[in-house]
Amino acid sequence: MVEDGKHYFLSRPRRFGKSLFLDTLKELFEGNEPLFEGLSIHDHWDWSVRHPVVRLDFGSGRPQGPDGLQADTIAQLDTIASAAGVEVRYDSAEARFRHLLQALHERSGRRVAVLVDEYDKPILDALETPAAARANRDYLHGLYSTIKSSDAHVRFTLLTGVSKFSKVSLFSGLNNLNDVTLDPRFSAVCGYTEADLDTVFAPELPGLDRDALRDWYNGYGWLGDERVYNPFDILLLFDRRQFDAWWFETGTPSFLVDLLARRRIGSASLDNLLSQSDLLSTFDVDDIATEALLFQTGYLTIHGAEPRGGTMYYRLGYPNREVRQSLNESLLRRLTGRPASLTEHTARLYDLLQANDFAGLEALFRALFASIPYEWHTRNDIARYEGYYASVFYSCFAALGLDVTVEDSSSHGRLDMAVRFNGNVYLFEFKVLDGAAGERASAPDEAAEGPPASGRSGGRAMAQLKRRGYADKYRHLDQPIHLVAVEVDRETRNLASWEVERA
């Protein structure tokens, strides 16, 4: 990057080492040779050349509005100027920034390295108040435009953050940025690789299950040849010696879960999203694409690239067990109105599935849907969309960390959900009925009132499971295969039927 270009942009999720990367570049440009003795770069850097550095950090604190942002920026610029023995007198942050770059260049005889950390945090912090977010965005647009207008004094630029805002809205004044977010050459610039664990962290590995380590924390990809581990998780794992959702618990925004619910994005669909490259790479305050938000914040990652004609599509999914399990726990609470018994329900689910107690599973899901407060339904229309009930089922299983596959394709069609657990395969098909009376007319032996007994249904879901031969794809596993047909009554908001057969 330093040798081949000049102005760069890199987006990575929070706590992926972006700040450490900028700290490293700062010390390199300032020629702090002792820090790099014994490291690979030591023999590939001219330590006799030292460049002044302007490093701005918008990650600390939450300045209120553009005035607060300007005051914060001026304070940072004044600190840098004071340390360099340079005096800047202009009132606006943009003018001070421009003058500081010129003065540092003239004083040192070397052009300046500009490093901006968390460039987007003032906007992200205000997303729930769009007017404030737009005001912060417009202020930062003017500040970052200063870099281009001062190009003669700049040796190198790198802006990092979680998201990539549209060039039209934020970077139109800095339109010469080279975005390396999805450049395969830099895919492992943040995060830990398998080689990092085998070498740098080798003393920490004894006593840890390597397969579990990969399952929990590996899986992030930005089009490179290998996937990387979440560094924050790895460091806490080595310290605590316990697998847990360390990264997820440090700040998953509630607005993200609420946004998915408002847009009726089913949790089951998140594990196999298809997005166009341009949709994935940018968003703005007034136009936040769901795929872009989930990808840029680290809740989804790229599983594969699919060129179609002149357009590149990316297949997105959960990166690892930590995100799949934890995000679905949060979504399940949102989908069910946080009933008091939710934790008990999910814990019981594991035990019942382990025992293949299908009658108990039916009773469990009936109780779960019945526990959703009536008032929650009156305040939310989320239960009216087709994928709601399938999403509840999916999130229940995914929140336990089980092996769940949605819309699994075969030559016969797409299965709604497959669960592999404890040497068994469970194939689910879901149907939503628009009204109990009309749909049950084809089953005259059913009681006129109340839920049908286990195993009794109109049979559409089970008939589809059998007719399409979904079990054939799994027979090579030589494991018991269970067909689970679930029909839900939209009117009663509960199970209309539950049927289980061994395939």
Protein backbone atom coordinates (compact mmCIF):
# COMPACT_ATOMS: atom_id res chain seq x y z
CA MET A 1 0.00 0.00 0.00
CA VAL A 2 2.72 2.47 0.96
CA GLU A 3 4.87 1.71 -2.07
CA ASP A 4 2.17 1.49 -4.74
CA GLY A 5 -0.41 4.13 -3.89
CA LYS A 6 -1.34 7.19 -1.93
CA HIS A 7 -4.94 7.50 -0.71
CA TYR A 8 -6.63 4.41 0.74
CA PHE A 9 -9.85 3.40 2.43
CA LEU A 10 -10.42 0.20 4.46
CA SER A 11 -13.64 -0.98 6.09
CA ARG A 12 -13.65 -3.72 8.73
CA PRO A 13 -16.03 -4.58 11.60
CA ARG A 14 -15.44 -3.16 15.06
CA ARG A 15 -12.61 -4.60 17.15
CA PHE A 16 -10.82 -6.11 14.16
CA GLY A 17 -7.51 -4.33 14.71
CA LYS A 18 -8.00 -1.22 12.58
CA SER A 19 -6.64 1.09 15.28
CA LEU A 20 -3.60 -1.12 15.83
CA PHE A 21 -2.98 -1.10 12.08
CA LEU A 22 -2.99 2.71 12.05
CA ASP A 23 -0.73 2.82 15.12
CA THR A 24 1.72 0.57 13.29
CA LEU A 25 1.71 2.81 10.22
CA LYS A 26 2.21 5.88 12.40
CA GLU A 27 5.32 4.41 14.02
CA LEU A 28 6.67 3.34 10.62
CA PHE A 29 6.28 6.78 9.05
CA GLU A 30 7.82 8.40 12.11
CA GLY A 31 10.79 6.04 11.79
CA ASN A 32 10.55 4.39 15.23
CA GLU A 33 12.98 1.64 14.28
CA PRO A 34 13.42 -0.07 17.70
CA LEU A 35 9.77 -1.14 17.69
CA PHE A 36 10.29 -3.22 14.54
CA GLU A 37 13.60 -4.93 15.22
CA GLY A 38 13.31 -8.64 14.46
CA LEU A 39 10.12 -8.18 12.43
CA SER A 40 9.71 -8.82 8.71
CA ILE A 41 9.39 -5.18 7.73
CA HIS A 42 12.61 -4.10 9.44
CA ASP A 43 14.82 -4.87 6.46
CA HIS A 44 12.36 -3.43 3.95
CA TRP A 45 11.97 0.09 5.35
CA ASP A 46 14.14 3.18 4.98
CA TRP A 47 14.55 4.24 8.62
CA SER A 48 16.50 7.35 7.67
CA VAL A 49 13.34 8.93 6.20
CA ARG A 50 10.85 10.26 8.73
CA HIS A 51 7.49 11.75 7.86
CA PRO A 52 5.23 13.87 10.05
CA VAL A 53 1.92 12.16 10.87
CA VAL A 54 -1.56 13.54 11.47
CA ARG A 55 -3.61 10.83 13.16
CA LEU A 56 -7.25 11.69 13.84
CA ASP A 57 -9.45 9.41 15.93
CA PHE A 58 -13.24 9.78 16.06
CA GLY A 59 -13.79 6.61 18.06
CA SER A 60 -13.66 8.10 21.54
CA GLY A 61 -16.54 10.04 22.99
CA ARG A 62 -19.79 11.09 21.36
CA PRO A 63 -19.59 14.77 20.36
CA GLN A 64 -23.07 16.29 20.09
CA GLY A 65 -23.72 17.66 16.60
CA PRO A 66 -21.39 19.37 14.12
CA ASP A 67 -20.33 22.00 16.67
CA GLY A 68 -19.23 19.29 19.08
CA LEU A 69 -17.50 17.45 16.24
CA GLN A 70 -15.67 20.61 15.16
CA ALA A 71 -14.52 21.30 18.72
CA ASP A 72 -13.26 17.73 19.04
CA THR A 73 -11.42 17.92 15.72
CA ILE A 74 -9.82 21.25 16.59
CA ALA A 75 -8.62 19.85 19.93
CA GLN A 76 -6.98 16.90 18.15
CA LEU A 77 -5.34 19.15 15.54
CA ASP A 78 -4.07 21.56 18.22
CA THR A 79 -2.50 18.67 20.15
CA ILE A 80 -0.67 17.48 17.03
CA ALA A 81 0.45 21.03 16.17
CA SER A 82 1.70 21.68 19.70
CA ALA A 83 3.74 18.46 19.76
CA ALA A 84 5.33 19.41 16.42
CA GLY A 85 6.01 23.00 17.46
CA VAL A 86 3.64 24.42 14.86
CA GLU A 87 1.14 27.19 15.50
CA VAL A 88 -2.24 27.19 13.74
CA ARG A 89 -4.67 30.09 14.18
CA TYR A 90 -7.68 29.51 11.96
CA ASP A 91 -11.15 29.26 13.48
CA SER A 92 -12.62 26.35 11.48
CA ALA A 93 -11.36 22.78 11.72
CA GLU A 94 -11.04 22.54 7.93
CA ALA A 95 -8.80 25.62 7.74
CA ARG A 96 -6.67 24.44 10.69
CA PHE A 97 -6.33 21.01 9.11
CA ARG A 98 -5.21 22.52 5.78
CA HIS A 99 -2.76 24.88 7.46
CA LEU A 100 -1.36 22.12 9.68
CA LEU A 101 -0.60 19.86 6.70
CA GLN A 102 1.20 22.71 4.91
CA ALA A 103 3.14 23.76 8.02
CA LEU A 104 4.25 20.21 8.86
CA HIS A 105 5.44 19.69 5.29
CA GLU A 106 7.39 22.95 5.22
CA ARG A 107 8.90 22.42 8.67
CA SER A 108 10.10 18.85 8.10
CA GLY A 109 10.72 18.88 4.38
CA ARG A 110 8.68 15.67 4.17
CA ARG A 111 5.08 15.24 3.11
CA VAL A 112 2.57 14.19 5.75
CA ALA A 113 0.96 10.81 6.42
CA VAL A 114 -2.75 11.27 7.26
CA LEU A 115 -4.38 8.47 9.26
CA VAL A 116 -8.06 8.68 10.23
CA ASP A 117 -9.50 6.10 12.63
CA GLU A 118 -13.25 5.46 13.04
CA TYR A 119 -13.94 8.05 10.35
CA ASP A 120 -17.66 7.13 10.37
CA LYS A 121 -18.44 6.72 14.07
CA PRO A 122 -20.03 10.18 14.53
CA ILE A 123 -22.52 9.22 11.80
CA LEU A 124 -23.18 5.68 13.04
CA ASP A 125 -23.73 6.89 16.59
CA ALA A 126 -26.52 9.15 15.35
CA LEU A 127 -28.29 6.79 12.94
CA GLU A 128 -31.37 6.58 15.15
CA THR A 129 -31.73 10.36 14.67
CA PRO A 130 -31.34 10.77 10.89
CA ALA A 131 -31.21 14.58 10.96
CA ALA A 132 -28.26 14.51 13.37
CA ALA A 133 -26.57 11.78 11.34
CA ARG A 134 -26.91 13.84 8.16
CA ALA A 135 -25.49 16.93 9.89
CA ASN A 136 -22.47 14.96 11.12
CA ARG A 137 -22.03 13.44 7.66
CA ASP A 138 -22.05 16.85 5.99
CA TYR A 139 -19.49 18.20 8.46
CA LEU A 140 -17.15 15.25 7.90
CA HIS A 141 -17.56 15.62 4.14
CA GLY A 142 -16.01 19.09 4.36
CA LEU A 143 -13.24 17.92 6.69
CA TYR A 144 -12.18 14.97 4.54
CA SER A 145 -12.29 17.09 1.37
CA THR A 146 -9.38 19.02 2.88
CA ILE A 147 -7.12 16.02 2.25
CA LYS A 148 -7.57 16.25 -1.50
CA SER A 149 -7.19 20.03 -1.62
CA SER A 150 -3.91 19.60 0.31
CA ASP A 151 -2.65 16.79 -1.93
CA ALA A 152 0.72 18.46 -2.53
CA HIS A 153 1.51 18.15 1.18
CA VAL A 154 0.29 14.55 1.67
CA ARG A 155 2.48 11.46 1.29
CA PHE A 156 -0.06 8.80 2.29
CA THR A 157 -3.68 8.61 3.48
CA LEU A 158 -5.63 5.79 5.11
CA LEU A 159 -9.17 6.17 6.41
CA THR A 160 -10.65 3.26 8.34
CA GLY A 161 -14.06 2.57 9.79
CA VAL A 162 -16.84 0.04 10.09
CA SER A 163 -18.96 1.21 7.16
CA LYS A 164 -18.46 2.61 3.71
CA PHE A 165 -20.65 5.60 3.03
CA SER A 166 -21.55 6.59 -0.49
CA LYS A 167 -18.98 8.64 -2.36
CA VAL A 168 -21.77 10.94 -3.43
CA SER A 169 -22.66 11.81 0.16
CA LEU A 170 -19.35 11.71 2.01
CA PHE A 171 -16.37 11.23 -0.29
CA SER A 172 -17.29 13.33 -3.32
CA GLY A 173 -14.57 15.74 -2.21
CA LEU A 174 -12.09 12.89 -1.79
CA ASN A 175 -12.91 10.89 -4.89
CA ASN A 176 -9.39 9.60 -5.41
CA LEU A 177 -9.58 7.09 -2.55
CA ASN A 178 -8.55 3.53 -3.37
CA ASP A 179 -11.02 1.29 -1.53
CA VAL A 180 -9.21 -1.94 -0.62
CA THR A 181 -12.01 -3.39 1.51
CA LEU A 182 -12.67 -6.19 -1.01
CA ASP A 183 -9.21 -6.32 -2.56
CA PRO A 184 -8.02 -9.96 -2.18
CA ARG A 185 -4.44 -8.75 -1.69
CA PHE A 186 -5.43 -7.09 1.59
CA SER A 187 -8.10 -9.54 2.78
CA ALA A 188 -6.04 -10.60 5.81
CA VAL A 189 -4.70 -7.16 6.75
CA CYS A 190 -6.93 -7.22 9.85
CA GLY A 191 -7.88 -10.38 11.72
CA TYR A 192 -5.78 -13.46 12.48
CA THR A 193 -4.95 -16.20 10.00
CA GLU A 194 -4.31 -19.89 10.66
CA ALA A 195 -0.61 -19.14 10.25
CA ASP A 196 -0.82 -16.46 12.96
CA LEU A 197 -2.28 -18.97 15.38
CA ASP A 198 0.30 -21.62 14.50
CA THR A 199 3.24 -19.27 14.98
CA VAL A 200 2.61 -16.16 17.07
CA PHE A 201 0.01 -17.76 19.33
CA ALA A 202 1.34 -21.33 19.40
CA PRO A 203 2.06 -21.24 23.18
CA GLU A 204 -1.62 -20.43 23.86
CA LEU A 205 -3.11 -23.36 21.92
CA PRO A 206 -2.48 -26.39 24.21
CA GLY A 207 -5.66 -27.38 25.99
CA LEU A 208 -7.97 -25.77 23.42
CA ASP A 209 -10.03 -27.72 20.90
CA ARG A 210 -8.81 -26.42 17.53
CA ASP A 211 -11.95 -27.50 15.67
CA ALA A 212 -14.11 -25.72 18.22
CA LEU A 213 -11.89 -22.64 17.91
CA ARG A 214 -12.48 -22.55 14.15
CA ASP A 215 -16.19 -23.18 14.55
CA TRP A 216 -16.63 -20.36 17.07
CA TYR A 217 -14.40 -17.59 15.72
CA ASN A 218 -13.07 -18.24 12.20
CA GLY A 219 -14.93 -17.63 8.96
CA TYR A 220 -14.59 -13.96 8.00
CA GLY A 221 -13.79 -13.45 4.33
CA TRP A 222 -13.13 -10.45 2.07
CA LEU A 223 -12.49 -12.34 -1.19
CA GLY A 224 -9.01 -13.55 -0.21
CA ASP A 225 -7.75 -17.13 -0.35
CA GLU A 226 -8.20 -17.73 3.36
CA ARG A 227 -10.62 -16.80 6.08
CA VAL A 228 -9.60 -15.00 9.23
CA TYR A 229 -10.41 -15.20 12.91
CA ASN A 230 -12.03 -12.42 14.89
CA PRO A 231 -8.97 -11.08 16.80
CA PHE A 232 -10.95 -9.75 19.77
CA ASP A 233 -12.45 -13.18 20.39
CA ILE A 234 -9.10 -14.95 20.07
CA LEU A 235 -7.37 -12.71 22.61
CA LEU A 236 -10.18 -13.08 25.15
CA LEU A 237 -10.31 -16.84 24.58
CA PHE A 238 -6.61 -17.14 25.33
CA ASP A 239 -7.08 -15.06 28.47
CA ARG A 240 -10.29 -16.68 29.79
CA ARG A 241 -9.76 -20.18 28.33
CA GLN A 242 -13.49 -20.38 27.64
CA PHE A 243 -15.55 -20.26 24.46
CA ASP A 244 -18.14 -17.50 24.57
CA ALA A 245 -19.61 -14.68 22.46
CA TRP A 246 -16.96 -12.19 23.54
CA TRP A 247 -17.14 -9.95 20.46
CA PHE A 248 -20.91 -10.01 20.10
CA GLU A 249 -21.46 -9.00 23.72
CA THR A 250 -19.41 -5.80 23.38
CA GLY A 251 -22.06 -3.80 21.60
CA THR A 252 -24.56 -5.28 19.17
CA PRO A 253 -26.83 -2.30 18.43
CA SER A 254 -30.50 -2.72 19.25
CA PHE A 255 -31.39 -0.65 16.19
CA LEU A 256 -29.95 -3.45 13.99
CA VAL A 257 -32.34 -6.05 15.42
CA ASP A 258 -35.24 -3.58 15.27
CA LEU A 259 -34.39 -2.74 11.64
CA LEU A 260 -34.50 -6.41 10.64
CA ALA A 261 -37.88 -6.76 12.33
CA ARG A 262 -39.31 -3.61 10.72
CA ARG A 263 -38.18 -4.74 7.30
CA ARG A 264 -39.54 -8.24 7.92
CA ILE A 265 -36.18 -9.86 7.22
CA GLY A 266 -36.59 -13.44 8.38
CA SER A 267 -33.74 -14.78 10.48
CA ALA A 268 -33.69 -17.94 8.37
CA SER A 269 -32.92 -15.91 5.24
CA LEU A 270 -29.81 -14.28 6.70
CA ASP A 271 -27.71 -17.41 6.23
CA ASN A 272 -28.01 -17.35 2.44
CA LEU A 273 -28.43 -13.77 1.22
CA LEU A 274 -27.51 -12.77 -2.30
CA SER A 275 -26.32 -9.20 -2.88
CA GLN A 276 -24.99 -7.20 -5.77
CA SER A 277 -21.50 -5.84 -5.33
CA ASP A 278 -22.53 -2.19 -5.51
CA LEU A 279 -25.34 -2.72 -3.00
CA LEU A 280 -22.94 -4.39 -0.61
CA SER A 281 -20.23 -1.77 -0.73
CA THR A 282 -22.03 1.43 0.25
CA PHE A 283 -24.87 2.85 2.24
CA ASP A 284 -26.05 6.24 3.40
CA VAL A 285 -28.09 7.70 6.23
CA ASP A 286 -31.27 7.77 4.15
CA ASP A 287 -30.68 4.51 2.29
CA ILE A 288 -29.24 1.71 4.41
CA ALA A 289 -29.40 -1.56 2.52
CA THR A 290 -29.88 -4.48 4.89
CA GLU A 291 -27.14 -6.54 3.25
CA ALA A 292 -24.63 -3.68 3.42
CA LEU A 293 -25.37 -2.98 7.07
CA LEU A 294 -25.03 -6.63 8.14
CA PHE A 295 -21.91 -7.20 6.07
CA GLN A 296 -20.06 -4.04 7.03
CA THR A 297 -20.80 -4.48 10.73
CA GLY A 298 -19.54 -8.08 10.71
CA TYR A 299 -22.76 -10.03 11.24
CA LEU A 300 -22.59 -11.51 7.74
CA THR A 301 -19.58 -12.29 5.60
CA ILE A 302 -18.90 -13.29 2.00
CA HIS A 303 -19.18 -17.03 1.37
CA GLY A 304 -18.69 -16.84 -2.37
CA ALA A 305 -18.68 -14.65 -5.47
CA GLU A 306 -21.06 -15.39 -8.35
CA PRO A 307 -20.51 -13.46 -11.60
CA ARG A 308 -23.66 -13.21 -13.70
CA GLY A 309 -23.36 -11.40 -16.99
CA GLY A 310 -21.65 -8.11 -16.26
CA THR A 311 -22.62 -8.04 -12.58
CA MET A 312 -20.85 -9.58 -9.60
CA TYR A 313 -23.03 -11.05 -6.87
CA TYR A 314 -21.90 -12.09 -3.42
CA ARG A 315 -23.40 -14.93 -1.39
CA LEU A 316 -23.57 -13.86 2.25
CA GLY A 317 -23.95 -15.87 5.44
CA TYR A 318 -23.02 -15.98 9.10
CA PRO A 319 -19.23 -16.08 9.59
CA ASN A 320 -19.18 -18.47 12.52
CA ARG A 321 -21.02 -20.01 15.45
CA GLU A 322 -20.62 -16.98 17.69
CA VAL A 323 -22.52 -14.65 15.38
CA ARG A 324 -25.11 -17.20 14.25
CA GLN A 325 -25.94 -18.23 17.79
CA SER A 326 -25.84 -14.80 19.44
CA LEU A 327 -27.64 -12.84 16.74
CA ASN A 328 -30.43 -15.40 16.70
CA GLU A 329 -30.77 -15.14 20.47
CA SER A 330 -31.34 -11.41 20.04
CA LEU A 331 -33.69 -11.89 17.09
CA LEU A 332 -35.69 -14.53 18.96
CA ARG A 333 -36.31 -12.11 21.81
CA ARG A 334 -37.49 -9.51 19.29
CA LEU A 335 -39.63 -12.00 17.37
CA THR A 336 -41.44 -13.26 20.46
CA GLY A 337 -41.82 -10.09 22.49
CA ARG A 338 -39.35 -11.28 25.15
CA PRO A 339 -41.65 -13.69 27.05
CA ALA A 340 -40.39 -14.44 30.55
CA SER A 341 -40.12 -18.16 29.78
CA LEU A 342 -37.97 -17.81 26.64
CA THR A 343 -34.73 -18.99 28.26
CA GLU A 344 -36.50 -21.99 29.75
CA HIS A 345 -38.03 -22.82 26.35
CA THR A 346 -34.71 -22.80 24.50
CA ALA A 347 -32.93 -24.84 27.18
CA ARG A 348 -35.75 -27.39 27.14
CA LEU A 349 -35.58 -27.59 23.34
CA TYR A 350 -32.07 -29.01 23.49
CA ASP A 351 -33.05 -31.73 25.96
CA LEU A 352 -36.14 -32.74 24.00
CA LEU A 353 -34.27 -32.91 20.71
CA GLN A 354 -31.53 -34.99 22.30
CA ALA A 355 -34.19 -37.48 23.44
CA ASN A 356 -36.11 -37.34 20.13
CA ASP A 357 -39.20 -36.47 22.16
CA PHE A 358 -41.37 -35.14 19.34
CA ALA A 359 -44.52 -34.90 21.41
CA GLY A 360 -42.56 -32.81 23.90
CA LEU A 361 -41.25 -30.62 21.08
CA GLU A 362 -44.76 -30.00 19.82
CA ALA A 363 -45.92 -29.05 23.31
CA LEU A 364 -42.88 -26.79 23.71
CA PHE A 365 -43.57 -24.78 20.55
CA ARG A 366 -47.28 -24.55 21.35
CA ALA A 367 -46.35 -23.15 24.75
CA LEU A 368 -43.81 -20.76 23.21
CA PHE A 369 -46.30 -19.23 20.76
CA ALA A 370 -48.97 -19.11 23.45
CA SER A 371 -46.60 -17.21 25.75
CA ILE A 372 -46.22 -14.30 23.34
CA PRO A 373 -48.24 -11.48 24.95
CA TYR A 374 -51.38 -10.40 23.14
CA GLU A 375 -50.31 -6.78 23.58
CA TRP A 376 -47.11 -7.50 21.66
CA HIS A 377 -49.15 -8.68 18.66
CA THR A 378 -51.30 -5.54 18.76
CA ARG A 379 -48.20 -3.33 18.67
CA ASN A 380 -46.40 -5.34 15.98
CA ASP A 381 -47.61 -6.75 12.69
CA ILE A 382 -44.48 -8.87 12.32
CA ALA A 383 -46.43 -12.09 12.85
CA ARG A 384 -48.46 -11.34 9.72
CA TYR A 385 -45.64 -11.92 7.28
CA GLU A 386 -45.16 -15.35 5.76
CA GLY A 387 -41.71 -16.12 7.09
CA TYR A 388 -42.37 -15.18 10.71
CA TYR A 389 -43.08 -18.64 12.12
CA ALA A 390 -40.25 -20.28 10.19
CA SER A 391 -37.95 -17.57 11.56
CA VAL A 392 -38.99 -18.35 15.14
CA PHE A 393 -38.27 -22.05 14.60
CA TYR A 394 -34.95 -21.30 12.92
CA SER A 395 -33.81 -18.87 15.61
CA CYS A 396 -34.73 -21.34 18.35
CA PHE A 397 -32.41 -23.97 16.88
CA ALA A 398 -29.68 -21.56 15.74
CA ALA A 399 -29.57 -19.87 19.16
CA LEU A 400 -28.48 -23.23 20.58
CA GLY A 401 -25.54 -23.37 18.21
CA LEU A 402 -26.94 -26.36 16.30
CA ASP A 403 -26.10 -27.26 12.69
CA VAL A 404 -29.01 -25.65 10.82
CA THR A 405 -29.37 -25.29 7.05
CA VAL A 406 -32.19 -23.27 5.47
CA GLU A 407 -33.68 -23.63 2.00
CA ASP A 408 -31.39 -26.57 1.29
CA SER A 409 -31.56 -27.16 -2.45
CA SER A 410 -31.83 -30.54 -4.11
CA SER A 411 -32.96 -31.76 -7.51
CA HIS A 412 -36.51 -31.90 -6.13
CA GLY A 413 -36.77 -28.36 -4.74
CA ARG A 414 -35.77 -26.41 -1.65
CA LEU A 415 -36.31 -27.76 1.84
CA ASP A 416 -37.35 -25.15 4.42
CA MET A 417 -34.93 -26.24 7.15
CA ALA A 418 -32.60 -29.11 8.00
CA VAL A 419 -31.13 -29.70 11.46
CA ARG A 420 -28.32 -32.16 12.12
CA PHE A 421 -27.83 -33.04 15.77
CA ASN A 422 -26.73 -35.96 17.92
CA GLY A 423 -26.42 -38.38 15.00
CA ASN A 424 -29.87 -37.54 13.63
CA VAL A 425 -31.21 -35.50 10.72
CA TYR A 426 -34.43 -33.48 11.08
CA LEU A 427 -36.09 -32.13 7.94
CA PHE A 428 -38.68 -29.39 8.49
CA GLU A 429 -41.36 -28.07 6.16
CA PHE A 430 -43.55 -25.12 7.23
CA LYS A 431 -46.98 -24.06 6.03
CA VAL A 432 -49.00 -21.07 7.22
CA LEU A 433 -52.79 -21.47 7.09
CA ASP A 434 -55.01 -18.44 6.63
CA GLY A 435 -57.82 -19.71 8.84
CA ALA A 436 -58.55 -22.77 10.93
CA ALA A 437 -62.04 -23.55 9.64
CA GLY A 438 -61.31 -23.50 5.94
CA GLU A 439 -58.09 -25.45 6.11
CA ARG A 440 -59.38 -28.13 8.45
CA ALA A 441 -62.44 -28.93 6.37
CA SER A 442 -60.48 -31.63 4.56
CA ALA A 443 -59.91 -33.45 7.85
CA PRO A 444 -63.42 -34.29 9.13
CA ASP A 445 -62.14 -36.55 11.90
CA GLU A 446 -60.55 -33.56 13.63
CA ALA A 447 -62.28 -31.99 16.59
CA ALA A 448 -64.19 -28.89 15.65
CA GLU A 449 -62.54 -26.86 18.36
CA GLY A 450 -59.09 -26.72 19.88
CA PRO A 451 -55.76 -27.74 18.44
CA PRO A 452 -55.51 -31.07 16.66
CA ALA A 453 -53.78 -33.97 18.30
CA SER A 454 -50.15 -34.67 17.50
CA GLY A 455 -49.73 -36.24 14.09
CA ARG A 456 -53.14 -35.19 12.72
CA SER A 457 -53.23 -32.56 10.00
CA GLY A 458 -54.47 -31.58 6.62
CA GLY A 459 -51.14 -33.04 5.49
CA ARG A 460 -49.90 -30.48 2.96
CA ALA A 461 -46.51 -30.02 4.62
CA MET A 462 -45.89 -33.75 5.13
CA ALA A 463 -47.08 -34.55 1.63
CA GLN A 464 -44.57 -32.09 0.22
CA LEU A 465 -41.72 -33.53 2.29
CA LYS A 466 -42.48 -37.00 0.90
CA ARG A 467 -43.38 -36.03 -2.66
CA ARG A 468 -40.19 -34.10 -3.20
CA GLY A 469 -37.98 -36.75 -1.65
CA TYR A 470 -35.96 -34.33 0.48
CA ALA A 471 -34.65 -37.20 2.59
CA ASP A 472 -32.75 -38.69 -0.36
CA LYS A 473 -30.02 -36.07 -0.13
CA TYR A 474 -29.17 -37.16 3.41
CA ARG A 475 -29.31 -40.95 3.13
CA HIS A 476 -25.58 -41.23 2.50
CA LEU A 477 -25.01 -40.08 6.08
CA ASP A 478 -26.49 -43.36 7.29
CA GLN A 479 -28.26 -41.56 10.13
CA PRO A 480 -31.90 -41.62 11.22
CA ILE A 481 -33.92 -39.07 9.21
CA HIS A 482 -37.06 -37.53 10.68
CA LEU A 483 -39.62 -35.62 8.61
CA VAL A 484 -41.27 -32.84 10.63
CA ALA A 485 -44.30 -31.16 9.04
CA VAL A 486 -45.43 -27.99 10.80
CA GLU A 487 -48.59 -26.08 9.93
CA VAL A 488 -49.42 -22.83 11.68
CA ASP A 489 -52.78 -21.10 11.92
CA ARG A 490 -52.37 -17.40 11.22
CA GLU A 491 -55.64 -16.63 12.99
CA THR A 492 -54.85 -18.38 16.29
CA ARG A 493 -51.10 -17.60 16.02
CA ASN A 494 -50.21 -21.13 17.03
CA LEU A 495 -49.68 -24.61 15.64
CA ALA A 496 -52.54 -26.01 13.59
CA SER A 497 -50.79 -29.34 13.19
CA TRP A 498 -47.55 -31.12 13.93
CA GLU A 499 -46.68 -34.35 12.15
CA VAL A 500 -43.54 -36.45 12.42
CA GLU A 501 -42.51 -39.52 10.42
CA ARG A 502 -39.31 -41.51 10.07
CA ALA A 503 -38.04 -41.34 6.49
